[in-house]
Each structure stands twice: as structure tokens, then as C-alpha cells.
Amino acid sequence: MTITLHGIPNCDTVKKARTWFESNGVAYTFHDFKKQGVSDSMLRSWIAQVGWEKLVNKQGTTWRKLAPEQQATVINADGAVALMMAQPSVIKRPVVVAGEQVVVGLDVCAYEVLSAR
């Protein structure tokens, strides 16, 4: 099973996840949100697994810098997808995908389960 780690290379949490995979000998592919982008279908697939609320990082700098009017548009999956496509930095990182499994954030226990398959 192919594991894909989605994120931004300079994000500390993404760096920690990448270090975990590498130090545990787990092969993965890295998808850079900023360079490679995110698609509507990718985001909707993740939302189907974990919900839009988990994907939108309302604690991060990008969210806090948004105008209140922009924040107010994120009330459902459609609003979340529109914002995440326009501002990929607002996506909680990393997003790790293995088959149909989606893990959002740094979760070593979940990574162990994914890599054992």
C-alpha cells in the first residue's frame, strides 16, 4: 500500500512526521501543497473520511490572518473546500493517506497502524 504524506516542507509538524517515517523505514511519497496544489476531489475524499472540521486548521496563522468575512464562509464542506483550495496553508498538517485511510495531524500511533499493513 502506498502512503502519501501531504503538507508543506517547512512545517515543523510535517518535518516530524517525515522524520518518523524515515527513521522507521516506512516508504512514503511526499505531496507539497504549495507546489503541487490540492484538488477539489482530493479535499472531498478527505472530508468524506474525517470531516471538514478536522481539516481546517483554525488555530494556525493562516486562519488568524483571514478577514472575518472569509472565516465566516467556512460553515460547511463547500465553504471549507473553497477556502482550502484558495489557501492551502489553512489545511491542518500533515495529511497522511494510505488507501482509504486518512490521518490528519501528527499521530504516531496511527502511523504505526498504517505502516503495519
Protein backbone atom coordinates (compact mmCIF):
# COMPACT_ATOMS: atom_id res chain seq x y z
CA MET A 1 0.00 0.00 0.00
CA THR A 2 1.32 3.43 -0.93
CA ILE A 3 1.48 6.03 1.81
CA THR A 4 1.31 9.68 0.79
CA LEU A 5 2.20 12.43 3.21
CA HIS A 6 0.63 15.76 2.20
CA GLY A 7 1.90 19.03 3.61
CA ILE A 8 4.35 21.89 3.37
CA PRO A 9 8.08 21.11 3.65
CA ASN A 10 8.94 23.86 6.14
CA CYS A 11 6.11 22.98 8.58
CA ASP A 12 7.56 21.64 11.85
CA THR A 13 4.80 19.05 12.25
CA VAL A 14 5.34 17.81 8.69
CA LYS A 15 9.08 17.58 9.38
CA LYS A 16 8.37 15.46 12.49
CA ALA A 17 6.09 13.13 10.53
CA ARG A 18 8.64 12.76 7.73
CA THR A 19 11.36 12.03 10.29
CA TRP A 20 9.15 9.35 11.89
CA PHE A 21 8.50 7.61 8.56
CA GLU A 22 12.17 7.76 7.56
CA SER A 23 13.54 6.61 10.92
CA ASN A 24 11.08 3.69 10.93
CA GLY A 25 11.93 2.63 7.39
CA VAL A 26 8.43 3.34 6.08
CA ALA A 27 8.32 4.27 2.40
CA TYR A 28 6.12 7.22 1.54
CA THR A 29 5.55 9.80 -1.15
CA PHE A 30 5.55 13.49 -0.25
CA HIS A 31 2.96 15.82 -1.80
CA ASP A 32 3.75 19.51 -1.37
CA PHE A 33 0.52 21.55 -1.08
CA LYS A 34 2.23 24.75 -2.17
CA LYS A 35 3.98 23.36 -5.26
CA GLN A 36 1.59 20.61 -6.33
CA GLY A 37 -1.65 22.10 -5.03
CA VAL A 38 -4.77 20.36 -3.79
CA SER A 39 -7.76 19.40 -5.87
CA ASP A 40 -11.46 19.56 -5.16
CA SER A 41 -11.71 15.76 -5.43
CA MET A 42 -8.75 15.24 -3.07
CA LEU A 43 -10.26 17.50 -0.42
CA ARG A 44 -13.73 15.97 -0.77
CA SER A 45 -12.26 12.48 -0.43
CA TRP A 46 -10.54 13.51 2.81
CA ILE A 47 -13.70 15.22 4.06
CA ALA A 48 -15.66 12.01 3.46
CA GLN A 49 -13.19 10.22 5.77
CA VAL A 50 -12.54 12.76 8.54
CA GLY A 51 -14.94 15.69 8.11
CA TRP A 52 -14.16 19.25 7.02
CA GLU A 53 -13.91 20.49 10.60
CA LYS A 54 -10.80 18.41 11.21
CA LEU A 55 -9.09 19.58 8.02
CA VAL A 56 -9.45 23.33 8.53
CA ASN A 57 -6.77 24.50 10.96
CA LYS A 58 -8.48 27.27 12.89
CA GLN A 59 -5.52 27.50 15.30
CA GLY A 60 -2.94 28.41 12.67
CA THR A 61 -1.50 31.69 11.49
CA THR A 62 -3.18 31.50 8.08
CA TRP A 63 -6.65 31.26 9.66
CA ARG A 64 -5.96 34.11 12.07
CA LYS A 65 -4.80 36.34 9.20
CA LEU A 66 -8.03 35.81 7.25
CA ALA A 67 -10.64 38.55 7.27
CA PRO A 68 -13.67 37.74 9.42
CA GLU A 69 -15.75 37.67 6.23
CA GLN A 70 -13.54 34.89 4.82
CA GLN A 71 -13.69 32.92 8.07
CA ALA A 72 -17.48 33.26 8.08
CA THR A 73 -17.73 31.39 4.74
CA VAL A 74 -16.44 28.19 6.34
CA ILE A 75 -19.70 26.80 7.67
CA ASN A 76 -19.91 23.61 5.62
CA ALA A 77 -17.87 21.33 3.36
CA ASP A 78 -18.31 23.56 0.29
CA GLY A 79 -17.04 26.64 2.11
CA ALA A 80 -14.15 24.67 3.59
CA VAL A 81 -13.13 23.26 0.19
CA ALA A 82 -13.22 26.71 -1.42
CA LEU A 83 -11.01 28.15 1.31
CA MET A 84 -8.56 25.21 1.36
CA MET A 85 -8.14 25.38 -2.42
CA ALA A 86 -7.52 29.14 -2.27
CA GLN A 87 -5.35 28.97 0.87
CA PRO A 88 -3.73 25.50 1.16
CA SER A 89 -1.80 26.68 4.23
CA VAL A 90 -5.07 26.59 6.19
CA ILE A 91 -5.17 22.77 5.90
CA LYS A 92 -4.16 21.05 9.12
CA ARG A 93 -0.90 19.21 8.50
CA PRO A 94 0.21 16.66 7.75
CA VAL A 95 -2.49 14.71 5.96
CA VAL A 96 -1.36 11.11 5.59
CA VAL A 97 -3.25 8.90 3.15
CA ALA A 98 -2.88 5.14 2.83
CA GLY A 99 -5.55 3.54 0.68
CA GLU A 100 -8.88 4.68 2.11
CA GLN A 101 -7.35 5.65 5.46
CA VAL A 102 -6.77 9.36 6.17
CA VAL A 103 -4.86 10.62 9.22
CA VAL A 104 -4.77 14.36 9.93
CA GLY A 105 -2.04 15.78 12.16
CA LEU A 106 0.92 14.14 13.84
CA ASP A 107 -0.36 10.77 15.10
CA VAL A 108 2.44 8.24 15.58
CA CYS A 109 0.05 5.50 16.79
CA ALA A 110 -2.00 5.81 13.60
CA TYR A 111 1.19 5.85 11.51
CA GLU A 112 2.26 2.59 13.14
CA VAL A 113 -1.07 1.00 12.20
CA LEU A 114 -0.87 2.29 8.62
CA SER A 115 2.70 1.11 8.14
CA ALA A 116 1.96 -2.36 9.53
CA ARG A 117 -0.50 -3.11 6.73
